[in-house]
Amino acid sequence: GDPWIRHITARRLSPPIMWSFNEVDWLRGTSLYRASMHQRNALQREWDHAGVRQASSELARAAGLRSPTFEDFTWATAAFSLYAVPIADANDAWDNPHGTHSLQIVPGLDM
């Protein structure tokens, strides 16, 4: 397979949103604690209420795969966040503060 795909799918990510609550508690009193708890809560809401759980389960079932878990969703979000870069939309310049940008993964950019 593609070495970049193997690189990005390696499950060695360990951001605080993937830690247990006991591990995150070591960060209590820091801005990282507040940020990680905010992100964890936002991910849980997205998983539970924005239809991510249902949609991902339907896609997995159609592909003959197991339904993803919240842990899988958290890992995928962390992996995407690690490798995503903002790309200006075709008609916008970077110096336009009101322009539209999207996050995209560019294969090989980090190699």
PDB file of N, CA and C in Angstrom:
ATOM      1  N   GLY A   1       0.809  -1.196   0.000  1.00  0.00           N
ATOM      2  CA  GLY A   1       0.000   0.000   0.000  1.00  0.00           C
ATOM      3  C   GLY A   1       0.855   1.264   0.000  1.00  0.00           C
ATOM      4  N   ASP A   2       0.193   2.339  -0.123  1.00  0.00           N
ATOM      5  CA  ASP A   2       0.803   3.667  -0.151  1.00  0.00           C
ATOM      6  C   ASP A   2       1.453   3.980   1.192  1.00  0.00           C
ATOM      7  N   PRO A   3       2.745   4.356   1.212  1.00  0.00           N
ATOM      8  CA  PRO A   3       3.402   4.640   2.495  1.00  0.00           C
ATOM      9  C   PRO A   3       2.792   5.824   3.227  1.00  0.00           C
ATOM     10  N   TRP A   4       2.252   6.809   2.499  1.00  0.00           N
ATOM     11  CA  TRP A   4       1.634   7.951   3.162  1.00  0.00           C
ATOM     12  C   TRP A   4       0.374   7.518   3.910  1.00  0.00           C
ATOM     13  N   ILE A   5      -0.414   6.639   3.302  1.00  0.00           N
ATOM     14  CA  ILE A   5      -1.621   6.139   3.963  1.00  0.00           C
ATOM     15  C   ILE A   5      -1.226   5.362   5.224  1.00  0.00           C
ATOM     16  N   ARG A   6      -0.191   4.542   5.146  1.00  0.00           N
ATOM     17  CA  ARG A   6       0.276   3.820   6.347  1.00  0.00           C
ATOM     18  C   ARG A   6       0.735   4.819   7.407  1.00  0.00           C
ATOM     19  N   HIS A   7       1.395   5.889   6.973  1.00  0.00           N
ATOM     20  CA  HIS A   7       1.896   6.905   7.896  1.00  0.00           C
ATOM     21  C   HIS A   7       0.746   7.589   8.645  1.00  0.00           C
ATOM     22  N   ILE A   8      -0.281   8.009   7.919  1.00  0.00           N
ATOM     23  CA  ILE A   8      -1.370   8.758   8.554  1.00  0.00           C
ATOM     24  C   ILE A   8      -2.288   7.853   9.372  1.00  0.00           C
ATOM     25  N   THR A   9      -2.354   6.582   9.030  1.00  0.00           N
ATOM     26  CA  THR A   9      -3.260   5.697   9.759  1.00  0.00           C
ATOM     27  C   THR A   9      -2.597   4.999  10.945  1.00  0.00           C
ATOM     28  N   ALA A  10      -1.327   5.249  11.163  1.00  0.00           N
ATOM     29  CA  ALA A  10      -0.672   4.669  12.337  1.00  0.00           C
ATOM     30  C   ALA A  10      -1.369   5.204  13.588  1.00  0.00           C
ATOM     31  N   ARG A  11      -1.783   4.336  14.462  1.00  0.00           N
ATOM     32  CA  ARG A  11      -2.554   4.749  15.633  1.00  0.00           C
ATOM     33  C   ARG A  11      -1.628   5.134  16.787  1.00  0.00           C
ATOM     34  N   ARG A  12      -0.655   5.968  16.533  1.00  0.00           N
ATOM     35  CA  ARG A  12       0.257   6.398  17.586  1.00  0.00           C
ATOM     36  C   ARG A  12      -0.048   7.799  18.075  1.00  0.00           C
ATOM     37  N   LEU A  13      -1.168   8.343  17.685  1.00  0.00           N
ATOM     38  CA  LEU A  13      -1.546   9.685  18.134  1.00  0.00           C
ATOM     39  C   LEU A  13      -1.936   9.636  19.601  1.00  0.00           C
ATOM     40  N   SER A  14      -1.575  10.655  20.320  1.00  0.00           N
ATOM     41  CA  SER A  14      -1.931  10.687  21.738  1.00  0.00           C
ATOM     42  C   SER A  14      -2.230  12.096  22.218  1.00  0.00           C
ATOM     43  N   PRO A  15      -3.148  12.803  21.549  1.00  0.00           N
ATOM     44  CA  PRO A  15      -3.522  14.127  22.053  1.00  0.00           C
ATOM     45  C   PRO A  15      -4.402  13.975  23.287  1.00  0.00           C
ATOM     46  N   PRO A  16      -4.485  15.000  24.117  1.00  0.00           N
ATOM     47  CA  PRO A  16      -5.278  14.901  25.349  1.00  0.00           C
ATOM     48  C   PRO A  16      -6.741  14.509  25.144  1.00  0.00           C
ATOM     49  N   ILE A  17      -7.321  14.786  23.964  1.00  0.00           N
ATOM     50  CA  ILE A  17      -8.718  14.388  23.765  1.00  0.00           C
ATOM     51  C   ILE A  17      -8.869  12.870  23.720  1.00  0.00           C
ATOM     52  N   MET A  18      -7.760  12.136  23.594  1.00  0.00           N
ATOM     53  CA  MET A  18      -7.816  10.686  23.568  1.00  0.00           C
ATOM     54  C   MET A  18      -7.420  10.073  24.912  1.00  0.00           C
ATOM     55  N   TRP A  19      -7.015  10.890  25.848  1.00  0.00           N
ATOM     56  CA  TRP A  19      -6.616  10.382  27.152  1.00  0.00           C
ATOM     57  C   TRP A  19      -7.839  10.010  27.987  1.00  0.00           C
ATOM     58  N   SER A  20      -7.620   9.173  28.993  1.00  0.00           N
ATOM     59  CA  SER A  20      -8.686   8.860  29.948  1.00  0.00           C
ATOM     60  C   SER A  20      -8.931  10.103  30.805  1.00  0.00           C
ATOM     61  N   PHE A  21     -10.080  10.126  31.481  1.00  0.00           N
ATOM     62  CA  PHE A  21     -10.360  11.278  32.345  1.00  0.00           C
ATOM     63  C   PHE A  21      -9.334  11.384  33.476  1.00  0.00           C
ATOM     64  N   ASN A  22      -8.822  10.259  33.954  1.00  0.00           N
ATOM     65  CA  ASN A  22      -7.790  10.299  34.995  1.00  0.00           C
ATOM     66  C   ASN A  22      -6.511  10.940  34.472  1.00  0.00           C
ATOM     67  N   GLU A  23      -6.148  10.624  33.231  1.00  0.00           N
ATOM     68  CA  GLU A  23      -4.943  11.220  32.648  1.00  0.00           C
ATOM     69  C   GLU A  23      -5.132  12.715  32.402  1.00  0.00           C
ATOM     70  N   VAL A  24      -6.292  13.100  31.900  1.00  0.00           N
ATOM     71  CA  VAL A  24      -6.570  14.512  31.636  1.00  0.00           C
ATOM     72  C   VAL A  24      -6.567  15.310  32.932  1.00  0.00           C
ATOM     73  N   ASP A  25      -6.953  14.674  34.010  1.00  0.00           N
ATOM     74  CA  ASP A  25      -7.003  15.368  35.303  1.00  0.00           C
ATOM     75  C   ASP A  25      -5.634  15.912  35.720  1.00  0.00           C
ATOM     76  N   TRP A  26      -4.557  15.313  35.212  1.00  0.00           N
ATOM     77  CA  TRP A  26      -3.214  15.819  35.522  1.00  0.00           C
ATOM     78  C   TRP A  26      -3.011  17.221  34.945  1.00  0.00           C
ATOM     79  N   LEU A  27      -3.821  17.591  33.967  1.00  0.00           N
ATOM     80  CA  LEU A  27      -3.694  18.907  33.347  1.00  0.00           C
ATOM     81  C   LEU A  27      -4.563  19.965  34.027  1.00  0.00           C
ATOM     82  N   ARG A  28      -5.336  19.555  35.033  1.00  0.00           N
ATOM     83  CA  ARG A  28      -6.270  20.480  35.686  1.00  0.00           C
ATOM     84  C   ARG A  28      -5.546  21.757  36.119  1.00  0.00           C
ATOM     85  N   GLY A  29      -6.201  22.889  35.851  1.00  0.00           N
ATOM     86  CA  GLY A  29      -5.625  24.182  36.195  1.00  0.00           C
ATOM     87  C   GLY A  29      -4.844  24.818  35.064  1.00  0.00           C
ATOM     88  N   THR A  30      -4.729  24.113  33.945  1.00  0.00           N
ATOM     89  CA  THR A  30      -4.006  24.666  32.797  1.00  0.00           C
ATOM     90  C   THR A  30      -4.984  24.990  31.671  1.00  0.00           C
ATOM     91  N   SER A  31      -4.534  25.802  30.738  1.00  0.00           N
ATOM     92  CA  SER A  31      -5.384  26.111  29.591  1.00  0.00           C
ATOM     93  C   SER A  31      -5.568  24.873  28.707  1.00  0.00           C
ATOM     94  N   LEU A  32      -4.592  23.980  28.701  1.00  0.00           N
ATOM     95  CA  LEU A  32      -4.713  22.749  27.920  1.00  0.00           C
ATOM     96  C   LEU A  32      -5.834  21.867  28.470  1.00  0.00           C
ATOM     97  N   TYR A  33      -5.998  21.855  29.786  1.00  0.00           N
ATOM     98  CA  TYR A  33      -7.096  21.082  30.388  1.00  0.00           C
ATOM     99  C   TYR A  33      -8.433  21.616  29.890  1.00  0.00           C
ATOM    100  N   ARG A  34      -8.612  22.925  29.987  1.00  0.00           N
ATOM    101  CA  ARG A  34      -9.882  23.523  29.555  1.00  0.00           C
ATOM    102  C   ARG A  34     -10.120  23.289  28.065  1.00  0.00           C
ATOM    103  N   ALA A  35      -9.084  23.454  27.260  1.00  0.00           N
ATOM    104  CA  ALA A  35      -9.219  23.265  25.815  1.00  0.00           C
ATOM    105  C   ALA A  35      -9.543  21.814  25.467  1.00  0.00           C
ATOM    106  N   SER A  36      -8.872  20.877  26.125  1.00  0.00           N
ATOM    107  CA  SER A  36      -9.116  19.465  25.814  1.00  0.00           C
ATOM    108  C   SER A  36     -10.509  19.035  26.258  1.00  0.00           C
ATOM    109  N   MET A  37     -10.966  19.535  27.407  1.00  0.00           N
ATOM    110  CA  MET A  37     -12.317  19.199  27.860  1.00  0.00           C
ATOM    111  C   MET A  37     -13.364  19.824  26.932  1.00  0.00           C
ATOM    112  N   HIS A  38     -13.120  21.050  26.492  1.00  0.00           N
ATOM    113  CA  HIS A  38     -14.044  21.699  25.558  1.00  0.00           C
ATOM    114  C   HIS A  38     -14.117  20.891  24.257  1.00  0.00           C
ATOM    115  N   GLN A  39     -12.959  20.509  23.726  1.00  0.00           N
ATOM    116  CA  GLN A  39     -12.916  19.731  22.479  1.00  0.00           C
ATOM    117  C   GLN A  39     -13.570  18.369  22.663  1.00  0.00           C
ATOM    118  N   ARG A  40     -13.313  17.706  23.775  1.00  0.00           N
ATOM    119  CA  ARG A  40     -13.904  16.390  24.040  1.00  0.00           C
ATOM    120  C   ARG A  40     -15.427  16.492  24.098  1.00  0.00           C
ATOM    121  N   ASN A  41     -15.931  17.521  24.783  1.00  0.00           N
ATOM    122  CA  ASN A  41     -17.381  17.710  24.880  1.00  0.00           C
ATOM    123  C   ASN A  41     -17.987  18.034  23.519  1.00  0.00           C
ATOM    124  N   ALA A  42     -17.292  18.860  22.723  1.00  0.00           N
ATOM    125  CA  ALA A  42     -17.781  19.204  21.386  1.00  0.00           C
ATOM    126  C   ALA A  42     -17.825  17.967  20.495  1.00  0.00           C
ATOM    127  N   LEU A  43     -16.798  17.128  20.578  1.00  0.00           N
ATOM    128  CA  LEU A  43     -16.778  15.896  19.787  1.00  0.00           C
ATOM    129  C   LEU A  43     -17.903  14.954  20.208  1.00  0.00           C
ATOM    130  N   GLN A  44     -18.137  14.861  21.513  1.00  0.00           N
ATOM    131  CA  GLN A  44     -19.201  13.979  22.003  1.00  0.00           C
ATOM    132  C   GLN A  44     -20.564  14.464  21.499  1.00  0.00           C
ATOM    133  N   ARG A  45     -20.782  15.784  21.524  1.00  0.00           N
ATOM    134  CA  ARG A  45     -22.049  16.340  21.008  1.00  0.00           C
ATOM    135  C   ARG A  45     -22.190  16.057  19.517  1.00  0.00           C
ATOM    136  N   GLU A  46     -21.104  16.234  18.782  1.00  0.00           N
ATOM    137  CA  GLU A  46     -21.146  15.989  17.344  1.00  0.00           C
ATOM    138  C   GLU A  46     -21.446  14.515  17.064  1.00  0.00           C
ATOM    139  N   TRP A  47     -20.823  13.642  17.815  1.00  0.00           N
ATOM    140  CA  TRP A  47     -21.018  12.197  17.656  1.00  0.00           C
ATOM    141  C   TRP A  47     -22.464  11.810  17.989  1.00  0.00           C
ATOM    142  N   ASP A  48     -22.968  12.346  19.087  1.00  0.00           N
ATOM    143  CA  ASP A  48     -24.299  11.959  19.559  1.00  0.00           C
ATOM    144  C   ASP A  48     -25.443  12.671  18.849  1.00  0.00           C
ATOM    145  N   HIS A  49     -25.282  13.956  18.578  1.00  0.00           N
ATOM    146  CA  HIS A  49     -26.428  14.755  18.158  1.00  0.00           C
ATOM    147  C   HIS A  49     -26.382  15.260  16.723  1.00  0.00           C
ATOM    148  N   ALA A  50     -25.245  15.233  16.077  1.00  0.00           N
ATOM    149  CA  ALA A  50     -25.150  15.769  14.716  1.00  0.00           C
ATOM    150  C   ALA A  50     -25.279  14.657  13.672  1.00  0.00           C
ATOM    151  N   GLY A  51     -25.615  13.464  14.110  1.00  0.00           N
ATOM    152  CA  GLY A  51     -25.821  12.369  13.176  1.00  0.00           C
ATOM    153  C   GLY A  51     -24.569  11.653  12.733  1.00  0.00           C
ATOM    154  N   VAL A  52     -23.424  11.971  13.327  1.00  0.00           N
ATOM    155  CA  VAL A  52     -22.171  11.339  12.907  1.00  0.00           C
ATOM    156  C   VAL A  52     -22.203   9.843  13.211  1.00  0.00           C
ATOM    157  N   ARG A  53     -22.675   9.469  14.387  1.00  0.00           N
ATOM    158  CA  ARG A  53     -22.721   8.047  14.765  1.00  0.00           C
ATOM    159  C   ARG A  53     -23.584   7.276  13.763  1.00  0.00           C
ATOM    160  N   GLN A  54     -24.765   7.781  13.483  1.00  0.00           N
ATOM    161  CA  GLN A  54     -25.686   7.093  12.585  1.00  0.00           C
ATOM    162  C   GLN A  54     -25.127   7.019  11.166  1.00  0.00           C
ATOM    163  N   ALA A  55     -24.648   8.137  10.657  1.00  0.00           N
ATOM    164  CA  ALA A  55     -24.126   8.165   9.285  1.00  0.00           C
ATOM    165  C   ALA A  55     -22.913   7.253   9.135  1.00  0.00           C
ATOM    166  N   SER A  56     -21.994   7.284  10.103  1.00  0.00           N
ATOM    167  CA  SER A  56     -20.796   6.455   9.993  1.00  0.00           C
ATOM    168  C   SER A  56     -21.149   4.973  10.114  1.00  0.00           C
ATOM    169  N   SER A  57     -22.148   4.657  10.944  1.00  0.00           N
ATOM    170  CA  SER A  57     -22.581   3.263  11.076  1.00  0.00           C
ATOM    171  C   SER A  57     -23.209   2.766   9.777  1.00  0.00           C
ATOM    172  N   GLU A  58     -24.013   3.609   9.133  1.00  0.00           N
ATOM    173  CA  GLU A  58     -24.636   3.226   7.865  1.00  0.00           C
ATOM    174  C   GLU A  58     -23.588   3.025   6.770  1.00  0.00           C
ATOM    175  N   LEU A  59     -22.607   3.919   6.709  1.00  0.00           N
ATOM    176  CA  LEU A  59     -21.534   3.777   5.718  1.00  0.00           C
ATOM    177  C   LEU A  59     -20.730   2.501   5.965  1.00  0.00           C
ATOM    178  N   ALA A  60     -20.412   2.237   7.224  1.00  0.00           N
ATOM    179  CA  ALA A  60     -19.649   1.041   7.565  1.00  0.00           C
ATOM    180  C   ALA A  60     -20.443  -0.221   7.205  1.00  0.00           C
ATOM    181  N   ARG A  61     -21.719  -0.225   7.554  1.00  0.00           N
ATOM    182  CA  ARG A  61     -22.563  -1.387   7.259  1.00  0.00           C
ATOM    183  C   ARG A  61     -22.612  -1.625   5.742  1.00  0.00           C
ATOM    184  N   ALA A  62     -22.776  -0.553   4.952  1.00  0.00           N
ATOM    185  CA  ALA A  62     -22.823  -0.682   3.493  1.00  0.00           C
ATOM    186  C   ALA A  62     -21.514  -1.232   2.933  1.00  0.00           C
ATOM    187  N   ALA A  63     -20.401  -0.942   3.605  1.00  0.00           N
ATOM    188  CA  ALA A  63     -19.087  -1.421   3.159  1.00  0.00           C
ATOM    189  C   ALA A  63     -18.727  -2.771   3.770  1.00  0.00           C
ATOM    190  N   GLY A  64     -19.615  -3.312   4.613  1.00  0.00           N
ATOM    191  CA  GLY A  64     -19.346  -4.599   5.249  1.00  0.00           C
ATOM    192  C   GLY A  64     -18.352  -4.511   6.391  1.00  0.00           C
ATOM    193  N   LEU A  65     -18.240  -3.335   7.005  1.00  0.00           N
ATOM    194  CA  LEU A  65     -17.295  -3.121   8.106  1.00  0.00           C
ATOM    195  C   LEU A  65     -18.041  -2.965   9.421  1.00  0.00           C
ATOM    196  N   ARG A  66     -17.314  -3.057  10.521  1.00  0.00           N
ATOM    197  CA  ARG A  66     -17.928  -2.824  11.828  1.00  0.00           C
ATOM    198  C   ARG A  66     -18.237  -1.347  11.982  1.00  0.00           C
ATOM    199  N   SER A  67     -19.220  -1.052  12.797  1.00  0.00           N
ATOM    200  CA  SER A  67     -19.554   0.347  13.060  1.00  0.00           C
ATOM    201  C   SER A  67     -18.441   1.000  13.859  1.00  0.00           C
ATOM    202  N   PRO A  68     -18.062   2.217  13.492  1.00  0.00           N
ATOM    203  CA  PRO A  68     -17.018   2.895  14.252  1.00  0.00           C
ATOM    204  C   PRO A  68     -17.514   3.284  15.650  1.00  0.00           C
ATOM    205  N   THR A  69     -16.571   3.406  16.553  1.00  0.00           N
ATOM    206  CA  THR A  69     -16.868   3.806  17.925  1.00  0.00           C
ATOM    207  C   THR A  69     -16.548   5.284  18.106  1.00  0.00           C
ATOM    208  N   PHE A  70     -16.936   5.822  19.249  1.00  0.00           N
ATOM    209  CA  PHE A  70     -16.568   7.203  19.558  1.00  0.00           C
ATOM    210  C   PHE A  70     -15.048   7.346  19.604  1.00  0.00           C
ATOM    211  N   GLU A  71     -14.358   6.322  20.092  1.00  0.00           N
ATOM    212  CA  GLU A  71     -12.889   6.343  20.109  1.00  0.00           C
ATOM    213  C   GLU A  71     -12.334   6.442  18.686  1.00  0.00           C
ATOM    214  N   ASP A  72     -12.919   5.723  17.743  1.00  0.00           N
ATOM    215  CA  ASP A  72     -12.495   5.815  16.338  1.00  0.00           C
ATOM    216  C   ASP A  72     -12.712   7.231  15.802  1.00  0.00           C
ATOM    217  N   PHE A  73     -13.860   7.804  16.119  1.00  0.00           N
ATOM    218  CA  PHE A  73     -14.183   9.160  15.676  1.00  0.00           C
ATOM    219  C   PHE A  73     -13.191  10.166  16.261  1.00  0.00           C
ATOM    220  N   THR A  74     -12.858  10.004  17.531  1.00  0.00           N
ATOM    221  CA  THR A  74     -11.894  10.893  18.186  1.00  0.00           C
ATOM    222  C   THR A  74     -10.525  10.768  17.524  1.00  0.00           C
ATOM    223  N   TRP A  75     -10.099   9.531  17.251  1.00  0.00           N
ATOM    224  CA  TRP A  75      -8.817   9.316  16.584  1.00  0.00           C
ATOM    225  C   TRP A  75      -8.817   9.961  15.202  1.00  0.00           C
ATOM    226  N   ALA A  76      -9.894   9.761  14.427  1.00  0.00           N
ATOM    227  CA  ALA A  76      -9.965  10.320  13.074  1.00  0.00           C
ATOM    228  C   ALA A  76      -9.915  11.843  13.117  1.00  0.00           C
ATOM    229  N   THR A  77     -10.608  12.432  14.084  1.00  0.00           N
ATOM    230  CA  THR A  77     -10.586  13.886  14.226  1.00  0.00           C
ATOM    231  C   THR A  77      -9.179  14.373  14.554  1.00  0.00           C
ATOM    232  N   ALA A  78      -8.502  13.667  15.461  1.00  0.00           N
ATOM    233  CA  ALA A  78      -7.132  14.041  15.837  1.00  0.00           C
ATOM    234  C   ALA A  78      -6.186  13.895  14.644  1.00  0.00           C
ATOM    235  N   ALA A  79      -6.324  12.808  13.881  1.00  0.00           N
ATOM    236  CA  ALA A  79      -5.457  12.595  12.718  1.00  0.00           C
ATOM    237  C   ALA A  79      -5.689  13.672  11.667  1.00  0.00           C
ATOM    238  N   PHE A  80      -6.953  13.984  11.417  1.00  0.00           N
ATOM    239  CA  PHE A  80      -7.260  15.024  10.438  1.00  0.00           C
ATOM    240  C   PHE A  80      -6.693  16.364  10.896  1.00  0.00           C
ATOM    241  N   SER A  81      -6.893  16.689  12.166  1.00  0.00           N
ATOM    242  CA  SER A  81      -6.408  17.965  12.701  1.00  0.00           C
ATOM    243  C   SER A  81      -4.893  18.066  12.619  1.00  0.00           C
ATOM    244  N   LEU A  82      -4.210  16.955  12.789  1.00  0.00           N
ATOM    245  CA  LEU A  82      -2.752  16.943  12.751  1.00  0.00           C
ATOM    246  C   LEU A  82      -2.220  17.222  11.350  1.00  0.00           C
ATOM    247  N   TYR A  83      -2.895  16.697  10.338  1.00  0.00           N
ATOM    248  CA  TYR A  83      -2.380  16.778   8.976  1.00  0.00           C
ATOM    249  C   TYR A  83      -3.073  17.807   8.087  1.00  0.00           C
ATOM    250  N   ALA A  84      -4.189  18.375   8.530  1.00  0.00           N
ATOM    251  CA  ALA A  84      -4.944  19.302   7.686  1.00  0.00           C
ATOM    252  C   ALA A  84      -4.262  20.670   7.624  1.00  0.00           C
ATOM    253  N   VAL A  85      -4.329  21.262   6.464  1.00  0.00           N
ATOM    254  CA  VAL A  85      -3.798  22.614   6.264  1.00  0.00           C
ATOM    255  C   VAL A  85      -4.895  23.467   5.635  1.00  0.00           C
ATOM    256  N   PRO A  86      -4.946  24.767   5.976  1.00  0.00           N
ATOM    257  CA  PRO A  86      -5.957  25.619   5.358  1.00  0.00           C
ATOM    258  C   PRO A  86      -5.570  25.952   3.918  1.00  0.00           C
ATOM    259  N   ILE A  87      -6.520  25.801   3.030  1.00  0.00           N
ATOM    260  CA  ILE A  87      -6.306  26.095   1.618  1.00  0.00           C
ATOM    261  C   ILE A  87      -7.320  27.160   1.215  1.00  0.00           C
ATOM    262  N   ALA A  88      -6.837  28.244   0.598  1.00  0.00           N
ATOM    263  CA  ALA A  88      -7.741  29.294   0.146  1.00  0.00           C
ATOM    264  C   ALA A  88      -8.565  28.771  -1.018  1.00  0.00           C
ATOM    265  N   ASP A  89      -9.834  29.106  -1.024  1.00  0.00           N
ATOM    266  CA  ASP A  89     -10.671  28.731  -2.148  1.00  0.00           C
ATOM    267  C   ASP A  89     -10.186  29.459  -3.398  1.00  0.00           C
ATOM    268  N   ALA A  90     -10.465  28.929  -4.552  1.00  0.00           N
ATOM    269  CA  ALA A  90      -9.889  29.384  -5.814  1.00  0.00           C
ATOM    270  C   ALA A  90     -10.022  30.882  -6.062  1.00  0.00           C
ATOM    271  N   ASN A  91     -11.100  31.484  -5.651  1.00  0.00           N
ATOM    272  CA  ASN A  91     -11.322  32.895  -5.964  1.00  0.00           C
ATOM    273  C   ASN A  91     -10.907  33.851  -4.848  1.00  0.00           C
ATOM    274  N   ASP A  92     -10.291  33.345  -3.794  1.00  0.00           N
ATOM    275  CA  ASP A  92      -9.902  34.189  -2.666  1.00  0.00           C
ATOM    276  C   ASP A  92      -8.397  34.268  -2.525  1.00  0.00           C
ATOM    277  N   ALA A  93      -7.927  35.420  -2.135  1.00  0.00           N
ATOM    278  CA  ALA A  93      -6.504  35.609  -1.859  1.00  0.00           C
ATOM    279  C   ALA A  93      -6.257  35.357  -0.374  1.00  0.00           C
ATOM    280  N   TRP A  94      -5.039  34.943  -0.029  1.00  0.00           N
ATOM    281  CA  TRP A  94      -4.702  34.665   1.371  1.00  0.00           C
ATOM    282  C   TRP A  94      -4.825  35.903   2.247  1.00  0.00           C
ATOM    283  N   ASP A  95      -4.579  37.069   1.673  1.00  0.00           N
ATOM    284  CA  ASP A  95      -4.603  38.273   2.499  1.00  0.00           C
ATOM    285  C   ASP A  95      -6.007  38.839   2.676  1.00  0.00           C
ATOM    286  N   ASN A  96      -7.010  38.161   2.183  1.00  0.00           N
ATOM    287  CA  ASN A  96      -8.391  38.585   2.369  1.00  0.00           C
ATOM    288  C   ASN A  96      -8.923  37.977   3.667  1.00  0.00           C
ATOM    289  N   PRO A  97      -9.062  38.768   4.743  1.00  0.00           N
ATOM    290  CA  PRO A  97      -9.484  38.210   6.026  1.00  0.00           C
ATOM    291  C   PRO A  97     -10.909  37.670   6.008  1.00  0.00           C
ATOM    292  N   HIS A  98     -11.688  38.058   5.009  1.00  0.00           N
ATOM    293  CA  HIS A  98     -13.066  37.591   4.913  1.00  0.00           C
ATOM    294  C   HIS A  98     -13.224  36.505   3.852  1.00  0.00           C
ATOM    295  N   GLY A  99     -12.111  36.057   3.304  1.00  0.00           N
ATOM    296  CA  GLY A  99     -12.153  35.021   2.277  1.00  0.00           C
ATOM    297  C   GLY A  99     -12.530  33.673   2.867  1.00  0.00           C
ATOM    298  N   THR A 100     -12.800  32.757   2.003  1.00  0.00           N
ATOM    299  CA  THR A 100     -13.160  31.422   2.464  1.00  0.00           C
ATOM    300  C   THR A 100     -11.981  30.484   2.278  1.00  0.00           C
ATOM    301  N   HIS A 101     -11.745  29.700   3.299  1.00  0.00           N
ATOM    302  CA  HIS A 101     -10.681  28.711   3.302  1.00  0.00           C
ATOM    303  C   HIS A 101     -11.289  27.394   3.774  1.00  0.00           C
ATOM    304  N   SER A 102     -10.702  26.319   3.351  1.00  0.00           N
ATOM    305  CA  SER A 102     -11.158  25.023   3.841  1.00  0.00           C
ATOM    306  C   SER A 102      -9.937  24.231   4.303  1.00  0.00           C
ATOM    307  N   LEU A 103     -10.175  23.312   5.224  1.00  0.00           N
ATOM    308  CA  LEU A 103      -9.097  22.447   5.689  1.00  0.00           C
ATOM    309  C   LEU A 103      -9.039  21.235   4.774  1.00  0.00           C
ATOM    310  N   GLN A 104      -7.830  20.910   4.316  1.00  0.00           N
ATOM    311  CA  GLN A 104      -7.640  19.770   3.430  1.00  0.00           C
ATOM    312  C   GLN A 104      -6.373  19.039   3.824  1.00  0.00           C
ATOM    313  N   ILE A 105      -6.341  17.756   3.510  1.00  0.00           N
ATOM    314  CA  ILE A 105      -5.128  16.977   3.735  1.00  0.00           C
ATOM    315  C   ILE A 105      -4.392  16.896   2.406  1.00  0.00           C
ATOM    316  N   VAL A 106      -3.123  17.262   2.437  1.00  0.00           N
ATOM    317  CA  VAL A 106      -2.299  17.231   1.239  1.00  0.00           C
ATOM    318  C   VAL A 106      -1.284  16.105   1.401  1.00  0.00           C
ATOM    319  N   PRO A 107      -1.465  14.997   0.672  1.00  0.00           N
ATOM    320  CA  PRO A 107      -0.544  13.855   0.821  1.00  0.00           C
ATOM    321  C   PRO A 107       0.911  14.236   0.586  1.00  0.00           C
ATOM    322  N   GLY A 108       1.776  13.760   1.460  1.00  0.00           N
ATOM    323  CA  GLY A 108       3.202  13.963   1.305  1.00  0.00           C
ATOM    324  C   GLY A 108       3.732  15.288   1.797  1.00  0.00           C
ATOM    325  N   LEU A 109       2.875  16.189   2.213  1.00  0.00           N
ATOM    326  CA  LEU A 109       3.304  17.520   2.642  1.00  0.00           C
ATOM    327  C   LEU A 109       4.248  17.448   3.852  1.00  0.00           C
ATOM    328  N   ASP A 110       4.043  16.456   4.720  1.00  0.00           N
ATOM    329  CA  ASP A 110       4.852  16.372   5.932  1.00  0.00           C
ATOM    330  C   ASP A 110       6.058  15.446   5.780  1.00  0.00           C
ATOM    331  N   MET A 111       6.288  14.939   4.615  1.00  0.00           N
ATOM    332  CA  MET A 111       7.398  13.985   4.443  1.00  0.00           C
ATOM    333  C   MET A 111       8.635  14.686   3.953  1.00  0.00           C
TER     334      MET A 111
END
